[in-house]
Amino acid sequence: MINDSGFILLGFSGHPKLEVTISGLVFFFYTIALVGNTAIILLPSLDKRLQTPMYFFLRNLAILDLCYTTNIVPQMLVNIWGKDKRITFGGCALQLFTDVALCTVECMLLAVMSYDRFNAVCKPLHYMTIMNPQLCQGLVVLTWGIGIANCMVLSPYAMSLPRCGNHQLDHYFCEISAMLKIACVDTAAVEEVIFALCFFILLAPLLLILVSYGFIAAALLKIKSATGRKKAFGTCSSHLLVVGIFYGTVIYMYIQPGNSPSQYEGKLLSIFYSIITPSLNPLIYTLRNKEFKGAIKRLIGKERGSVETAGY
């Protein structure tokens, strides 16, 4: 029996075979996310050529993605692989606070990265002066400040709503919309506040991204050399792909016109943007980035050299 100190995460318990398949996929992508994002975090520390503003922001995105998936996946797999589907009140609150904060930070950080790419392409001679360490660190602190402020507004209210004994969350983690659905009071007002905040937090950074890439597109058209255009666009293509995947999924879930996705569809989409996307990000950046691949080759070369030297 569940009391006020815990919840039951239903997940996909009504579909046992699907649940097993999903758990296997989640474990696979979580492993990729762990390895890929850890590599992105560590590699710039080992190779001075990667100690630039772009890789500073990329490392922060990797840290963010690593925290995001780790906030959800371990508890999800424990619930799927075991008979106990419970999560404590404290664990649920931590998941909810972290989810809201990190989702907000990611929206803001992707906008900051677009501003970095704007300066790199449109103001290459002044890039390192404009994107100095103080500004880069200040922008990252600002994104985290907005994320924490947002979660402190939404999360406590969602956790404090009366549930009249209903503790079954129809989700695989403590997500804010799932918390609102089990409340036994009218949540129309808070839903409007959440929609307004989501609208601002999602679309304001997206507007900045679109404006930045509008200027970047104009700058690329002025480059006469096809090779020069390709090289300049190559520095932005990975970020554009990540933005497209993240924003496309989240906007479809939360700000799409007409009817919102069903609860079942919403859970599948949540898996995509909260687990699969963070595992795709390092693959997108490393496989499409010559500097990263070069750094990995140099690091492997050093390791081989050390082994051969030790052999002698």
Protein backbone atom coordinates (compact mmCIF):
# COMPACT_ATOMS: atom_id res chain seq x y z
CA MET A 1 0.00 0.00 0.00
CA ILE A 2 1.32 3.44 -0.98
CA ASN A 3 0.99 6.31 1.43
CA ASP A 4 1.74 10.01 0.99
CA SER A 5 5.46 9.26 1.03
CA GLY A 6 5.55 7.54 -2.36
CA PHE A 7 4.12 6.96 -5.81
CA ILE A 8 3.66 4.10 -8.25
CA LEU A 9 5.17 4.64 -11.70
CA LEU A 10 2.92 2.70 -14.08
CA GLY A 11 5.15 3.22 -17.12
CA PHE A 12 4.19 0.64 -19.75
CA SER A 13 3.13 -2.01 -17.24
CA GLY A 14 -0.06 -2.69 -19.25
CA HIS A 15 2.13 -3.93 -22.12
CA PRO A 16 4.73 -6.35 -20.65
CA LYS A 17 6.31 -7.33 -23.99
CA LEU A 18 6.60 -3.70 -25.08
CA GLU A 19 8.05 -2.83 -21.68
CA VAL A 20 10.83 -5.42 -22.10
CA THR A 21 11.64 -4.10 -25.58
CA ILE A 22 11.66 -0.50 -24.38
CA SER A 23 13.90 -1.37 -21.41
CA GLY A 24 16.43 -2.96 -23.77
CA LEU A 25 16.43 0.08 -26.06
CA VAL A 26 16.67 2.46 -23.11
CA PHE A 27 19.63 0.55 -21.64
CA PHE A 28 21.36 0.55 -25.06
CA PHE A 29 20.91 4.30 -25.64
CA TYR A 30 21.78 5.12 -22.03
CA THR A 31 25.09 3.28 -22.45
CA ILE A 32 25.79 5.30 -25.61
CA ALA A 33 24.87 8.51 -23.76
CA LEU A 34 27.24 7.65 -20.90
CA VAL A 35 30.18 6.82 -23.17
CA GLY A 36 29.61 9.58 -25.74
CA ASN A 37 28.94 12.43 -23.34
CA THR A 38 31.78 11.38 -21.03
CA ALA A 39 34.14 11.47 -24.04
CA ILE A 40 32.96 14.99 -24.94
CA ILE A 41 33.47 16.13 -21.33
CA LEU A 42 36.98 14.66 -21.00
CA LEU A 43 38.46 15.14 -24.48
CA PRO A 44 38.86 18.96 -24.40
CA SER A 45 40.82 18.57 -21.15
CA LEU A 46 43.24 16.22 -22.91
CA ASP A 47 43.62 18.19 -26.15
CA LYS A 48 44.36 21.94 -26.04
CA ARG A 49 43.07 22.39 -29.61
CA LEU A 50 39.56 21.77 -28.31
CA GLN A 51 39.76 24.43 -25.59
CA THR A 52 37.63 26.98 -27.47
CA PRO A 53 34.26 28.60 -26.67
CA MET A 54 32.38 26.15 -28.91
CA TYR A 55 33.74 23.14 -27.04
CA PHE A 56 33.18 24.85 -23.70
CA PHE A 57 29.47 25.06 -24.47
CA LEU A 58 29.50 21.55 -25.94
CA ARG A 59 30.98 20.17 -22.73
CA ASN A 60 28.24 21.88 -20.74
CA LEU A 61 25.62 20.36 -23.07
CA ALA A 62 27.21 16.93 -22.53
CA ILE A 63 27.15 17.39 -18.73
CA LEU A 64 23.52 18.47 -18.99
CA ASP A 65 22.55 15.44 -21.11
CA LEU A 66 24.40 13.09 -18.77
CA CYS A 67 22.53 14.48 -15.75
CA TYR A 68 19.22 14.41 -17.63
CA THR A 69 19.39 10.74 -18.59
CA THR A 70 20.82 9.66 -15.22
CA ASN A 71 17.94 11.44 -13.49
CA ILE A 72 15.45 9.16 -15.28
CA VAL A 73 16.97 5.92 -16.57
CA PRO A 74 18.24 4.08 -13.43
CA GLN A 75 14.90 4.40 -11.62
CA MET A 76 13.04 3.50 -14.82
CA LEU A 77 15.05 0.29 -15.32
CA VAL A 78 14.70 -0.68 -11.65
CA ASN A 79 10.92 -0.33 -11.95
CA ILE A 80 10.74 -2.26 -15.23
CA TRP A 81 13.08 -5.10 -14.26
CA GLY A 82 11.71 -5.48 -10.73
CA LYS A 83 8.27 -6.10 -9.31
CA ASP A 84 8.27 -2.93 -7.23
CA LYS A 85 7.08 0.07 -9.26
CA ARG A 86 7.34 2.51 -6.38
CA ILE A 87 9.35 5.67 -6.02
CA THR A 88 9.63 7.62 -2.77
CA PHE A 89 8.16 11.09 -2.40
CA GLY A 90 11.68 12.54 -2.12
CA GLY A 91 12.87 10.63 -5.17
CA CYS A 92 9.86 11.80 -7.16
CA ALA A 93 10.39 15.42 -6.09
CA LEU A 94 14.06 15.20 -7.11
CA GLN A 95 13.13 13.78 -10.52
CA LEU A 96 10.52 16.48 -11.09
CA PHE A 97 12.73 19.39 -10.00
CA THR A 98 15.68 18.09 -12.04
CA ASP A 99 13.57 17.42 -15.13
CA VAL A 100 12.08 20.94 -15.19
CA ALA A 101 15.43 22.62 -14.45
CA LEU A 102 17.48 20.66 -17.00
CA CYS A 103 14.89 20.93 -19.78
CA THR A 104 14.86 24.72 -19.27
CA VAL A 105 18.66 24.92 -19.21
CA GLU A 106 18.92 22.89 -22.43
CA CYS A 107 16.57 25.26 -24.26
CA MET A 108 18.62 28.24 -23.12
CA LEU A 109 22.00 26.59 -23.76
CA LEU A 110 21.08 25.71 -27.36
CA ALA A 111 20.26 29.40 -27.89
CA VAL A 112 23.59 30.43 -26.36
CA MET A 113 25.38 27.98 -28.68
CA SER A 114 23.63 29.55 -31.68
CA TYR A 115 24.92 32.97 -30.55
CA ASP A 116 28.41 31.46 -30.37
CA ARG A 117 28.07 30.14 -33.95
CA PHE A 118 26.79 33.55 -35.10
CA ASN A 119 29.95 35.23 -33.82
CA ALA A 120 32.18 32.49 -35.24
CA VAL A 121 30.75 32.84 -38.77
CA CYS A 122 29.76 36.51 -38.93
CA LYS A 123 32.58 38.02 -36.84
CA PRO A 124 35.49 35.59 -37.22
CA LEU A 125 38.23 38.19 -36.63
CA HIS A 126 36.73 39.26 -33.31
CA TYR A 127 35.34 35.86 -32.29
CA MET A 128 37.79 35.04 -29.49
CA THR A 129 37.59 38.61 -28.16
CA ILE A 130 33.78 38.62 -28.07
CA MET A 131 33.40 35.06 -26.76
CA ASN A 132 35.91 35.55 -23.97
CA PRO A 133 35.98 33.14 -20.98
CA GLN A 134 34.13 35.59 -18.71
CA LEU A 135 31.23 35.95 -21.15
CA CYS A 136 31.05 32.19 -21.80
CA GLN A 137 30.97 31.39 -18.09
CA GLY A 138 28.45 34.15 -17.44
CA LEU A 139 26.10 32.84 -20.14
CA VAL A 140 26.25 29.31 -18.73
CA VAL A 141 25.56 30.60 -15.20
CA LEU A 142 22.62 32.61 -16.58
CA THR A 143 21.09 29.52 -18.24
CA TRP A 144 21.37 27.53 -15.01
CA GLY A 145 19.91 30.45 -13.05
CA ILE A 146 16.85 30.57 -15.32
CA GLY A 147 16.47 26.78 -15.13
CA ILE A 148 16.60 26.72 -11.32
CA ALA A 149 14.20 29.69 -11.06
CA ASN A 150 11.72 27.98 -13.38
CA CYS A 151 11.78 24.70 -11.45
CA MET A 152 11.36 26.57 -8.15
CA VAL A 153 8.19 28.16 -9.54
CA LEU A 154 6.55 25.05 -11.05
CA SER A 155 7.79 22.02 -9.15
CA PRO A 156 6.81 22.83 -5.52
CA TYR A 157 3.25 23.64 -6.58
CA ALA A 158 2.93 20.41 -8.59
CA MET A 159 4.22 18.33 -5.68
CA SER A 160 1.91 20.03 -3.15
CA LEU A 161 -1.35 19.49 -5.07
CA PRO A 162 -3.88 17.29 -3.18
CA ARG A 163 -4.20 13.83 -4.71
CA CYS A 164 -6.99 12.35 -2.56
CA GLY A 165 -5.15 9.07 -2.11
CA ASN A 166 -4.28 8.61 -5.80
CA HIS A 167 -0.56 7.87 -6.14
CA GLN A 168 -0.45 6.09 -9.49
CA LEU A 169 1.48 8.14 -12.02
CA ASP A 170 0.76 7.08 -15.60
CA HIS A 171 4.33 7.66 -16.67
CA TYR A 172 7.79 6.12 -16.32
CA PHE A 173 9.17 9.04 -14.30
CA CYS A 174 7.81 11.94 -12.23
CA GLU A 175 6.87 14.40 -14.95
CA ILE A 176 4.89 17.55 -14.27
CA SER A 177 1.93 16.83 -16.56
CA ALA A 178 1.55 13.35 -15.01
CA MET A 179 1.53 14.94 -11.54
CA LEU A 180 -1.24 17.35 -12.55
CA LYS A 181 -3.41 14.52 -13.89
CA ILE A 182 -3.65 12.78 -10.50
CA ALA A 183 -4.59 15.97 -8.65
CA CYS A 184 -8.14 15.97 -7.28
CA VAL A 185 -8.58 19.74 -7.66
CA ASP A 186 -9.07 22.00 -10.66
CA THR A 187 -5.62 22.55 -12.23
CA ALA A 188 -6.74 24.77 -15.13
CA ALA A 189 -5.02 27.85 -13.68
CA VAL A 190 -1.67 26.14 -13.11
CA GLU A 191 -1.87 24.51 -16.55
CA GLU A 192 -2.23 27.97 -18.09
CA VAL A 193 0.80 29.18 -16.14
CA ILE A 194 2.82 26.13 -17.24
CA PHE A 195 1.78 26.67 -20.86
CA ALA A 196 2.80 30.34 -20.70
CA LEU A 197 6.17 29.50 -19.15
CA CYS A 198 6.77 26.68 -21.66
CA PHE A 199 5.79 29.01 -24.49
CA PHE A 200 8.34 31.60 -23.31
CA ILE A 201 11.10 29.16 -22.32
CA LEU A 202 10.82 27.16 -25.56
CA LEU A 203 10.00 29.79 -28.14
CA ALA A 204 12.09 32.74 -26.91
CA PRO A 205 15.36 30.76 -27.26
CA LEU A 206 14.09 29.29 -30.55
CA LEU A 207 13.50 32.82 -31.85
CA LEU A 208 17.08 33.74 -30.92
CA ILE A 209 18.32 30.62 -32.70
CA LEU A 210 16.35 31.47 -35.86
CA VAL A 211 17.60 35.08 -35.84
CA SER A 212 21.20 33.92 -35.35
CA TYR A 213 20.98 31.48 -38.23
CA GLY A 214 19.28 34.10 -40.37
CA PHE A 215 22.40 36.27 -40.01
CA ILE A 216 24.60 33.21 -40.54
CA ALA A 217 22.75 32.33 -43.77
CA ALA A 218 23.19 35.90 -45.02
CA ALA A 219 26.92 35.75 -44.21
CA LEU A 220 27.29 32.39 -45.99
CA LEU A 221 25.69 33.81 -49.16
CA LYS A 222 28.37 36.51 -49.24
CA ILE A 223 31.17 33.92 -49.29
CA LYS A 224 32.12 33.42 -52.94
CA SER A 225 34.12 30.23 -52.46
CA ALA A 226 32.05 27.03 -52.34
CA THR A 227 34.74 25.49 -50.14
CA GLY A 228 34.56 28.44 -47.77
CA ARG A 229 30.78 28.19 -47.55
CA LYS A 230 30.98 24.46 -46.89
CA LYS A 231 33.58 24.95 -44.16
CA ALA A 232 31.57 27.72 -42.47
CA PHE A 233 28.34 25.74 -42.66
CA GLY A 234 30.13 22.67 -41.30
CA THR A 235 30.69 24.46 -37.98
CA CYS A 236 26.91 24.98 -37.64
CA SER A 237 25.34 21.85 -39.14
CA SER A 238 25.73 19.65 -36.05
CA HIS A 239 24.14 22.28 -33.82
CA LEU A 240 21.28 22.78 -36.28
CA LEU A 241 20.59 19.03 -36.33
CA VAL A 242 20.55 18.83 -32.51
CA VAL A 243 18.23 21.87 -32.32
CA GLY A 244 15.89 20.34 -34.89
CA ILE A 245 15.60 17.02 -33.04
CA PHE A 246 15.16 18.56 -29.59
CA TYR A 247 12.78 21.39 -30.44
CA GLY A 248 10.81 19.35 -32.95
CA THR A 249 9.97 16.72 -30.34
CA VAL A 250 9.32 19.09 -27.43
CA ILE A 251 7.15 21.51 -29.44
CA TYR A 252 5.11 18.61 -30.80
CA MET A 253 4.52 17.46 -27.22
CA TYR A 254 3.80 20.72 -25.45
CA ILE A 255 2.93 23.54 -27.86
CA GLN A 256 1.38 21.86 -30.86
CA PRO A 257 -1.94 23.33 -32.07
CA GLY A 258 -5.08 21.26 -31.63
CA ASN A 259 -5.18 18.13 -29.50
CA SER A 260 -2.14 17.18 -27.44
CA PRO A 261 -0.61 13.70 -27.82
CA SER A 262 -2.30 10.83 -26.00
CA GLN A 263 -0.75 9.68 -22.72
CA TYR A 264 0.67 6.59 -24.46
CA GLU A 265 2.12 8.62 -27.32
CA GLY A 266 3.39 11.21 -24.84
CA LYS A 267 5.36 8.57 -22.93
CA LEU A 268 7.01 7.33 -26.13
CA LEU A 269 7.89 10.89 -27.17
CA SER A 270 9.27 11.56 -23.68
CA ILE A 271 11.60 8.57 -24.08
CA PHE A 272 12.80 10.03 -27.37
CA TYR A 273 13.68 13.52 -26.12
CA SER A 274 14.80 12.54 -22.60
CA ILE A 275 16.84 9.41 -23.36
CA ILE A 276 17.46 8.89 -27.08
CA THR A 277 18.23 12.52 -27.97
CA PRO A 278 20.97 12.88 -25.28
CA SER A 279 22.61 9.76 -26.74
CA LEU A 280 22.37 11.09 -30.30
CA ASN A 281 23.93 14.47 -29.45
CA PRO A 282 27.49 13.17 -28.87
CA LEU A 283 27.24 10.98 -31.99
CA ILE A 284 26.12 13.95 -34.09
CA TYR A 285 28.91 16.18 -32.83
CA THR A 286 31.71 13.62 -32.93
CA LEU A 287 30.88 11.92 -36.24
CA ARG A 288 30.40 15.23 -38.07
CA ASN A 289 33.30 17.08 -36.42
CA LYS A 290 36.79 16.73 -37.93
CA GLU A 291 38.45 18.36 -34.91
CA PHE A 292 36.90 15.85 -32.53
CA LYS A 293 37.83 12.91 -34.73
CA GLY A 294 41.35 14.32 -35.05
CA ALA A 295 41.64 14.68 -31.27
CA ILE A 296 40.50 11.08 -30.77
CA LYS A 297 43.07 9.85 -33.33
CA ARG A 298 45.83 11.86 -31.67
CA LEU A 299 44.86 10.52 -28.26
CA ILE A 300 44.80 6.93 -29.55
CA GLY A 301 48.15 7.54 -31.24
CA LYS A 302 49.66 8.75 -27.96
CA GLU A 303 48.31 5.70 -26.14
CA ARG A 304 49.78 3.37 -28.76
CA GLY A 305 53.08 5.21 -28.57
CA SER A 306 53.15 4.88 -24.80
CA VAL A 307 52.39 1.15 -25.03
CA GLU A 308 55.12 0.59 -27.65
CA THR A 309 57.61 2.58 -25.57
CA ALA A 310 56.71 0.56 -22.48
CA GLY A 311 57.20 -2.61 -24.52
CA TYR A 312 60.77 -1.65 -25.25
